[in-house]
Protein backbone atom coordinates (compact mmCIF):
# COMPACT_ATOMS: atom_id res chain seq x y z
CA UNK A 1 -24.78 9.27 -22.27
CA UNK A 2 -23.07 9.11 -18.94
CA UNK A 3 -23.35 5.49 -18.75
CA UNK A 4 -21.95 4.68 -22.21
CA UNK A 5 -18.89 6.92 -21.44
CA UNK A 6 -18.37 4.75 -18.08
CA UNK A 7 -19.08 1.25 -19.72
CA UNK A 8 -15.41 0.30 -20.65
CA UNK A 9 -16.68 -2.25 -23.36
CA UNK A 10 -18.19 0.54 -25.78
CA UNK A 11 -15.52 2.40 -27.85
CA UNK A 12 -15.04 5.92 -27.58
CA UNK A 13 -15.10 6.31 -31.48
CA UNK A 14 -18.51 4.47 -31.81
CA UNK A 15 -19.71 7.08 -29.07
CA UNK A 16 -18.27 10.06 -30.90
CA UNK A 17 -19.62 9.18 -34.09
CA UNK A 18 -23.04 7.99 -33.14
CA UNK A 19 -23.94 10.82 -30.79
CA UNK A 20 -24.92 13.36 -33.79
CA UNK A 21 -26.76 10.57 -35.82
CA UNK A 22 -28.91 10.21 -32.72
CA UNK A 23 -29.25 13.91 -31.92
CA UNK A 24 -27.47 14.00 -28.93
CA UNK A 25 -27.60 17.62 -27.83
CA UNK A 26 -23.60 19.19 -27.76
CA UNK A 27 -24.10 20.07 -23.54
CA UNK A 28 -25.17 16.67 -23.17
CA UNK A 29 -22.39 15.28 -24.87
CA UNK A 30 -19.62 17.46 -23.45
CA UNK A 31 -20.88 17.02 -19.66
CA UNK A 32 -21.23 13.36 -20.22
CA UNK A 33 -17.80 13.20 -21.96
CA UNK A 34 -16.37 15.38 -19.25
CA UNK A 35 -17.74 13.49 -16.39
CA UNK A 36 -17.63 9.88 -17.72
CA UNK A 37 -13.84 9.71 -18.48
CA UNK A 38 -12.66 11.08 -15.28
CA UNK A 39 -13.05 7.48 -13.63
CA UNK A 40 -11.21 5.74 -16.51
CA UNK A 41 -8.55 8.02 -16.44
CA UNK A 42 -7.93 8.04 -12.72
CA UNK A 43 -8.08 4.30 -12.68
CA UNK A 44 -5.26 4.38 -15.59
CA UNK A 45 -3.00 6.96 -13.84
CA UNK A 46 -3.47 5.15 -10.50
CA UNK A 47 -2.65 1.81 -12.08
CA UNK A 48 0.65 3.02 -13.64
CA UNK A 49 1.64 4.81 -10.09
CA UNK A 50 0.74 1.90 -8.39
CA UNK A 51 2.89 -0.42 -10.95
CA UNK A 52 6.05 2.01 -10.55
CA UNK A 53 5.66 1.55 -6.61
CA UNK A 54 4.70 -1.94 -6.31
CA UNK A 55 6.10 -3.90 -3.56
CA UNK A 56 3.25 -6.58 -3.04
CA UNK A 57 -0.30 -7.18 -4.12
CA UNK A 58 -1.75 -5.92 -0.79
CA UNK A 59 -0.21 -2.53 -2.08
CA UNK A 60 -2.90 -2.06 -4.63
CA UNK A 61 -5.69 -1.78 -2.21
CA UNK A 62 -5.65 0.68 0.34
CA UNK A 63 -8.34 2.87 1.80
CA UNK A 64 -7.75 5.77 0.05
CA UNK A 65 -7.89 4.46 -3.33
CA UNK A 66 -11.18 2.58 -2.73
CA UNK A 67 -12.83 5.61 -1.24
CA UNK A 68 -11.99 7.81 -4.02
CA UNK A 69 -13.27 5.29 -6.66
CA UNK A 70 -16.30 5.25 -4.75
CA UNK A 71 -16.71 9.02 -4.52
CA UNK A 72 -16.16 8.80 -8.40
CA UNK A 73 -18.83 6.49 -9.04
CA UNK A 74 -21.19 8.06 -6.83
CA UNK A 75 -20.69 11.52 -8.28
CA UNK A 76 -20.86 10.05 -11.84
CA UNK A 77 -24.35 8.32 -11.22
CA UNK A 78 -26.02 11.17 -8.87
CA UNK A 79 -27.11 13.01 -12.36
CA UNK A 80 -28.89 9.80 -13.93
CA UNK A 81 -30.61 8.93 -10.54
CA UNK A 82 -31.50 12.87 -9.84
CA UNK A 83 -33.10 12.66 -13.52
CA UNK A 84 -35.21 9.68 -12.75
CA UNK A 85 -36.45 11.30 -9.52
CA UNK A 86 -38.35 14.04 -11.40
């Protein structure tokens, strides 16, 4: 479920409608939606701020932005990796 939310190619409406059909528990649906939409929201907000303050293309790629995206990615994938080790 988390990977479905992180995948930008699947529309959220499809995931919302299909989840009860395939019996996804509400708790998993809620947590995956909550965690899975954070990266997309962060990137969207960051892109809007960057476009407003853009002076050159190099301004888009700073260490803080890349580190934050990396941390969000690791946190998003951690529950799946932990479940595979059990």
